[in-house]
Amino acid sequence: MRLKNITAMVAAIATAASLGTVAVASADAQTVTTGDATITLNAQTAGQLTGHTFKAVKIASYDVYGTEPNQSVTLRTEDDVKAEVVKYLTATSHYAETDGDPLAWAQQ
């Protein structure tokens, strides 16, 4: 996975976590999280999307702790992308593997 892709993923998940919603790393994207899950990409012209393919990758999920009304939520980086996220955060910030989950750390 290229560094640019990791940057986009980390930015997207940090944004999503702060908003409490699922986000897509596109400024013009709309995400629907109920019913039939779809992602709509908007462009100024059809040519901007023609010939492109898109791939969705789950990079994190939420872990819920406690019982209502005293629940807390934290991010958990998916194992399949964790090594790449750690590599990126270590290279571009003060993250160290001893800081815990990388995306939970980035979100904070």
N, C-alpha and C. Protein backbone atom coordinates (compact mmCIF):
# COMPACT_ATOMS: atom_id res chain seq x y z
N MET A 1 0.85 -1.17 0.00
CA MET A 1 0.00 0.00 0.00
C MET A 1 0.90 1.23 0.00
N ARG A 2 0.59 2.20 -0.82
CA ARG A 2 1.43 3.38 -0.92
C ARG A 2 1.17 4.34 0.22
N LEU A 3 2.17 5.17 0.52
CA LEU A 3 2.10 6.14 1.62
C LEU A 3 0.92 7.09 1.43
N LYS A 4 0.64 7.48 0.20
CA LYS A 4 -0.48 8.38 -0.08
C LYS A 4 -1.81 7.74 0.33
N ASN A 5 -1.96 6.44 0.06
CA ASN A 5 -3.18 5.74 0.44
C ASN A 5 -3.33 5.66 1.95
N ILE A 6 -2.22 5.41 2.65
CA ILE A 6 -2.26 5.35 4.10
C ILE A 6 -2.62 6.71 4.67
N THR A 7 -2.05 7.78 4.10
CA THR A 7 -2.38 9.13 4.56
C THR A 7 -3.87 9.39 4.43
N ALA A 8 -4.43 9.02 3.31
CA ALA A 8 -5.87 9.22 3.09
C ALA A 8 -6.68 8.39 4.08
N MET A 9 -6.25 7.16 4.33
CA MET A 9 -6.99 6.30 5.27
C MET A 9 -6.95 6.87 6.69
N VAL A 10 -5.77 7.29 7.13
CA VAL A 10 -5.64 7.82 8.49
C VAL A 10 -6.46 9.10 8.63
N ALA A 11 -6.41 9.97 7.64
CA ALA A 11 -7.19 11.20 7.69
C ALA A 11 -8.69 10.89 7.71
N ALA A 12 -9.10 9.93 6.90
CA ALA A 12 -10.52 9.58 6.84
C ALA A 12 -11.01 9.01 8.16
N ILE A 13 -10.25 8.12 8.75
CA ILE A 13 -10.72 7.50 9.99
C ILE A 13 -10.68 8.49 11.14
N ALA A 14 -9.69 9.38 11.16
CA ALA A 14 -9.64 10.39 12.21
C ALA A 14 -10.84 11.32 12.09
N THR A 15 -11.19 11.69 10.87
CA THR A 15 -12.36 12.52 10.65
C THR A 15 -13.63 11.79 11.05
N ALA A 16 -13.73 10.53 10.64
CA ALA A 16 -14.91 9.74 10.96
C ALA A 16 -15.07 9.58 12.46
N ALA A 17 -13.98 9.32 13.13
CA ALA A 17 -14.05 9.12 14.58
C ALA A 17 -14.50 10.39 15.28
N SER A 18 -14.00 11.53 14.82
CA SER A 18 -14.37 12.77 15.48
C SER A 18 -15.82 13.14 15.21
N LEU A 19 -16.37 12.69 14.10
CA LEU A 19 -17.77 12.97 13.78
C LEU A 19 -18.71 11.88 14.27
N GLY A 20 -18.15 10.74 14.64
CA GLY A 20 -18.98 9.61 15.09
C GLY A 20 -19.71 8.94 13.95
N THR A 21 -19.21 9.07 12.74
CA THR A 21 -19.84 8.46 11.57
C THR A 21 -18.80 7.75 10.74
N VAL A 22 -19.25 7.05 9.71
CA VAL A 22 -18.36 6.44 8.76
C VAL A 22 -18.05 7.45 7.68
N ALA A 23 -16.79 7.54 7.28
CA ALA A 23 -16.41 8.54 6.28
C ALA A 23 -15.69 7.86 5.12
N VAL A 24 -15.64 8.56 4.00
CA VAL A 24 -14.92 8.11 2.82
C VAL A 24 -13.91 9.19 2.49
N ALA A 25 -12.73 8.79 2.07
CA ALA A 25 -11.67 9.75 1.81
C ALA A 25 -11.85 10.46 0.47
N SER A 26 -12.97 11.11 0.30
CA SER A 26 -13.24 11.90 -0.88
C SER A 26 -14.07 13.10 -0.46
N ALA A 27 -13.68 14.27 -0.90
CA ALA A 27 -14.36 15.48 -0.46
C ALA A 27 -15.82 15.53 -0.89
N ASP A 28 -16.14 14.88 -2.01
CA ASP A 28 -17.49 14.95 -2.53
C ASP A 28 -18.26 13.65 -2.33
N ALA A 29 -17.81 12.81 -1.42
CA ALA A 29 -18.47 11.52 -1.25
C ALA A 29 -19.58 11.60 -0.21
N GLN A 30 -20.58 10.78 -0.42
CA GLN A 30 -21.69 10.67 0.53
C GLN A 30 -21.76 9.22 0.96
N THR A 31 -21.91 8.99 2.26
CA THR A 31 -21.96 7.64 2.77
C THR A 31 -23.32 7.37 3.39
N VAL A 32 -23.92 6.23 3.05
CA VAL A 32 -25.17 5.80 3.65
C VAL A 32 -24.85 4.58 4.49
N THR A 33 -25.24 4.59 5.76
CA THR A 33 -24.85 3.49 6.63
C THR A 33 -26.03 2.66 7.11
N THR A 34 -27.22 2.88 6.58
CA THR A 34 -28.39 2.09 6.96
C THR A 34 -29.02 1.50 5.71
N GLY A 35 -29.76 0.43 5.89
CA GLY A 35 -30.44 -0.18 4.75
C GLY A 35 -29.43 -0.74 3.78
N ASP A 36 -29.67 -0.56 2.49
CA ASP A 36 -28.72 -1.00 1.47
C ASP A 36 -27.53 -0.06 1.49
N ALA A 37 -26.40 -0.53 1.93
CA ALA A 37 -25.22 0.31 2.05
C ALA A 37 -24.69 0.67 0.67
N THR A 38 -24.60 1.95 0.39
CA THR A 38 -24.06 2.42 -0.88
C THR A 38 -23.16 3.61 -0.62
N ILE A 39 -22.28 3.83 -1.56
CA ILE A 39 -21.41 5.00 -1.53
C ILE A 39 -21.63 5.71 -2.85
N THR A 40 -21.90 6.99 -2.80
CA THR A 40 -22.10 7.78 -4.00
C THR A 40 -20.93 8.73 -4.19
N LEU A 41 -20.30 8.67 -5.35
CA LEU A 41 -19.22 9.57 -5.67
C LEU A 41 -19.75 10.62 -6.63
N ASN A 42 -19.52 11.87 -6.32
CA ASN A 42 -19.98 12.97 -7.16
C ASN A 42 -18.79 13.63 -7.85
N ALA A 43 -18.98 14.04 -9.08
CA ALA A 43 -17.93 14.73 -9.82
C ALA A 43 -18.58 15.84 -10.64
N GLN A 44 -17.77 16.80 -11.03
CA GLN A 44 -18.30 17.89 -11.84
C GLN A 44 -18.63 17.41 -13.25
N THR A 45 -17.85 16.45 -13.76
CA THR A 45 -18.13 15.87 -15.07
C THR A 45 -17.97 14.36 -14.99
N ALA A 46 -18.66 13.65 -15.87
CA ALA A 46 -18.58 12.19 -15.89
C ALA A 46 -17.16 11.73 -16.20
N GLY A 47 -16.41 12.52 -16.96
CA GLY A 47 -15.04 12.16 -17.32
C GLY A 47 -14.12 12.02 -16.12
N GLN A 48 -14.45 12.68 -15.03
CA GLN A 48 -13.61 12.59 -13.84
C GLN A 48 -13.68 11.21 -13.21
N LEU A 49 -14.75 10.47 -13.44
CA LEU A 49 -14.90 9.14 -12.86
C LEU A 49 -14.78 8.03 -13.90
N THR A 50 -14.94 8.35 -15.17
CA THR A 50 -14.88 7.36 -16.24
C THR A 50 -13.53 6.67 -16.26
N GLY A 51 -13.55 5.35 -16.29
CA GLY A 51 -12.32 4.58 -16.38
C GLY A 51 -11.65 4.32 -15.04
N HIS A 52 -12.17 4.85 -13.98
CA HIS A 52 -11.59 4.64 -12.65
C HIS A 52 -12.28 3.47 -11.96
N THR A 53 -11.55 2.77 -11.16
CA THR A 53 -12.13 1.74 -10.31
C THR A 53 -11.90 2.15 -8.85
N PHE A 54 -12.77 1.72 -7.99
CA PHE A 54 -12.71 2.08 -6.59
C PHE A 54 -12.77 0.83 -5.74
N LYS A 55 -12.03 0.84 -4.65
CA LYS A 55 -11.99 -0.30 -3.75
C LYS A 55 -12.22 0.21 -2.34
N ALA A 56 -13.12 -0.44 -1.63
CA ALA A 56 -13.37 -0.08 -0.24
C ALA A 56 -12.59 -1.03 0.65
N VAL A 57 -11.91 -0.48 1.64
CA VAL A 57 -11.12 -1.28 2.57
C VAL A 57 -11.52 -0.87 3.99
N LYS A 58 -11.94 -1.84 4.77
CA LYS A 58 -12.27 -1.57 6.16
C LYS A 58 -10.96 -1.42 6.93
N ILE A 59 -10.74 -0.24 7.50
CA ILE A 59 -9.49 -0.02 8.21
C ILE A 59 -9.65 -0.01 9.72
N ALA A 60 -10.89 0.15 10.20
CA ALA A 60 -11.09 0.16 11.65
C ALA A 60 -12.54 -0.18 11.96
N SER A 61 -12.75 -0.55 13.20
CA SER A 61 -14.10 -0.77 13.71
C SER A 61 -14.16 -0.17 15.10
N TYR A 62 -15.34 -0.12 15.64
CA TYR A 62 -15.52 0.44 16.98
C TYR A 62 -15.65 -0.69 17.99
N ASP A 63 -14.98 -0.55 19.11
CA ASP A 63 -15.16 -1.44 20.24
C ASP A 63 -15.96 -0.68 21.29
N VAL A 64 -17.03 -1.29 21.80
CA VAL A 64 -17.89 -0.66 22.80
C VAL A 64 -17.64 -1.33 24.13
N TYR A 65 -17.40 -0.54 25.16
CA TYR A 65 -17.14 -1.06 26.50
C TYR A 65 -18.21 -0.57 27.46
N GLY A 66 -18.53 -1.37 28.44
CA GLY A 66 -19.48 -0.98 29.47
C GLY A 66 -20.91 -1.26 29.06
N THR A 67 -21.83 -0.86 29.92
CA THR A 67 -23.26 -1.02 29.65
C THR A 67 -23.93 0.34 29.73
N GLU A 68 -25.05 0.45 29.05
CA GLU A 68 -25.78 1.72 29.06
C GLU A 68 -26.17 2.09 30.47
N PRO A 69 -26.14 3.29 30.88
CA PRO A 69 -25.81 4.50 30.12
C PRO A 69 -24.33 4.86 30.19
N ASN A 70 -23.50 3.97 30.68
CA ASN A 70 -22.08 4.28 30.87
C ASN A 70 -21.19 3.55 29.88
N GLN A 71 -21.50 3.68 28.59
CA GLN A 71 -20.71 3.03 27.56
C GLN A 71 -19.64 3.97 27.03
N SER A 72 -18.55 3.39 26.59
CA SER A 72 -17.53 4.17 25.90
C SER A 72 -17.16 3.43 24.63
N VAL A 73 -16.68 4.17 23.66
CA VAL A 73 -16.36 3.62 22.35
C VAL A 73 -14.92 4.00 22.02
N THR A 74 -14.20 3.07 21.44
CA THR A 74 -12.84 3.35 20.96
C THR A 74 -12.65 2.70 19.61
N LEU A 75 -11.69 3.19 18.86
CA LEU A 75 -11.37 2.61 17.56
C LEU A 75 -10.46 1.41 17.73
N ARG A 76 -10.61 0.45 16.82
CA ARG A 76 -9.71 -0.70 16.77
C ARG A 76 -9.29 -0.88 15.32
N THR A 77 -8.01 -0.71 15.06
CA THR A 77 -7.47 -0.86 13.71
C THR A 77 -7.58 -2.32 13.28
N GLU A 78 -8.05 -2.55 12.06
CA GLU A 78 -8.16 -3.90 11.52
C GLU A 78 -6.76 -4.50 11.35
N ASP A 79 -6.63 -5.78 11.66
CA ASP A 79 -5.34 -6.46 11.60
C ASP A 79 -4.71 -6.41 10.21
N ASP A 80 -5.53 -6.47 9.15
CA ASP A 80 -5.01 -6.52 7.78
C ASP A 80 -4.25 -5.25 7.38
N VAL A 81 -4.55 -4.12 8.00
CA VAL A 81 -3.90 -2.86 7.64
C VAL A 81 -3.06 -2.28 8.76
N LYS A 82 -3.06 -2.92 9.90
CA LYS A 82 -2.40 -2.36 11.09
C LYS A 82 -0.91 -2.09 10.87
N ALA A 83 -0.19 -3.01 10.26
CA ALA A 83 1.25 -2.82 10.05
C ALA A 83 1.53 -1.60 9.18
N GLU A 84 0.72 -1.39 8.15
CA GLU A 84 0.91 -0.23 7.27
C GLU A 84 0.58 1.08 7.99
N VAL A 85 -0.46 1.07 8.79
CA VAL A 85 -0.83 2.27 9.55
C VAL A 85 0.26 2.61 10.56
N VAL A 86 0.77 1.60 11.24
CA VAL A 86 1.87 1.81 12.21
C VAL A 86 3.09 2.37 11.49
N LYS A 87 3.43 1.81 10.34
CA LYS A 87 4.58 2.29 9.57
C LYS A 87 4.41 3.76 9.20
N TYR A 88 3.23 4.12 8.73
CA TYR A 88 2.98 5.50 8.34
C TYR A 88 3.04 6.44 9.54
N LEU A 89 2.35 6.10 10.62
CA LEU A 89 2.32 6.98 11.78
C LEU A 89 3.70 7.13 12.42
N THR A 90 4.47 6.06 12.42
CA THR A 90 5.81 6.11 12.99
C THR A 90 6.71 7.04 12.16
N ALA A 91 6.52 7.03 10.84
CA ALA A 91 7.34 7.86 9.96
C ALA A 91 6.93 9.32 9.95
N THR A 92 5.68 9.61 10.24
CA THR A 92 5.18 10.98 10.08
C THR A 92 4.76 11.67 11.37
N SER A 93 4.88 10.99 12.50
CA SER A 93 4.43 11.61 13.75
C SER A 93 5.25 11.06 14.91
N HIS A 94 4.79 11.31 16.10
CA HIS A 94 5.46 10.85 17.31
C HIS A 94 4.89 9.53 17.81
N TYR A 95 4.19 8.81 16.96
CA TYR A 95 3.59 7.55 17.36
C TYR A 95 4.69 6.50 17.59
N ALA A 96 4.52 5.70 18.65
CA ALA A 96 5.36 4.54 18.91
C ALA A 96 4.44 3.37 19.19
N GLU A 97 4.85 2.17 18.83
CA GLU A 97 3.98 1.00 19.00
C GLU A 97 3.52 0.81 20.43
N THR A 98 4.21 1.38 21.38
CA THR A 98 3.80 1.28 22.79
C THR A 98 2.63 2.21 23.11
N ASP A 99 2.23 3.06 22.16
CA ASP A 99 1.12 4.00 22.37
C ASP A 99 -0.25 3.35 22.19
N GLY A 100 -0.30 2.06 21.92
CA GLY A 100 -1.58 1.38 21.76
C GLY A 100 -2.04 1.35 20.32
N ASP A 101 -3.35 1.18 20.13
CA ASP A 101 -3.92 1.07 18.79
C ASP A 101 -3.59 2.32 17.97
N PRO A 102 -3.05 2.16 16.76
CA PRO A 102 -2.60 3.33 16.01
C PRO A 102 -3.69 4.30 15.59
N LEU A 103 -4.84 3.81 15.16
CA LEU A 103 -5.90 4.74 14.74
C LEU A 103 -6.60 5.37 15.94
N ALA A 104 -6.70 4.66 17.04
CA ALA A 104 -7.24 5.26 18.27
C ALA A 104 -6.29 6.38 18.71
N TRP A 105 -4.99 6.14 18.61
CA TRP A 105 -4.00 7.17 18.95
C TRP A 105 -4.13 8.37 18.02
N ALA A 106 -4.24 8.13 16.71
CA ALA A 106 -4.34 9.22 15.73
C ALA A 106 -5.62 10.03 15.95
N GLN A 107 -6.69 9.37 16.31
CA GLN A 107 -7.97 10.06 16.52
C GLN A 107 -7.90 10.98 17.73
N GLN A 108 -7.16 10.56 18.75
CA GLN A 108 -7.06 11.38 19.95
C GLN A 108 -6.19 12.57 19.70
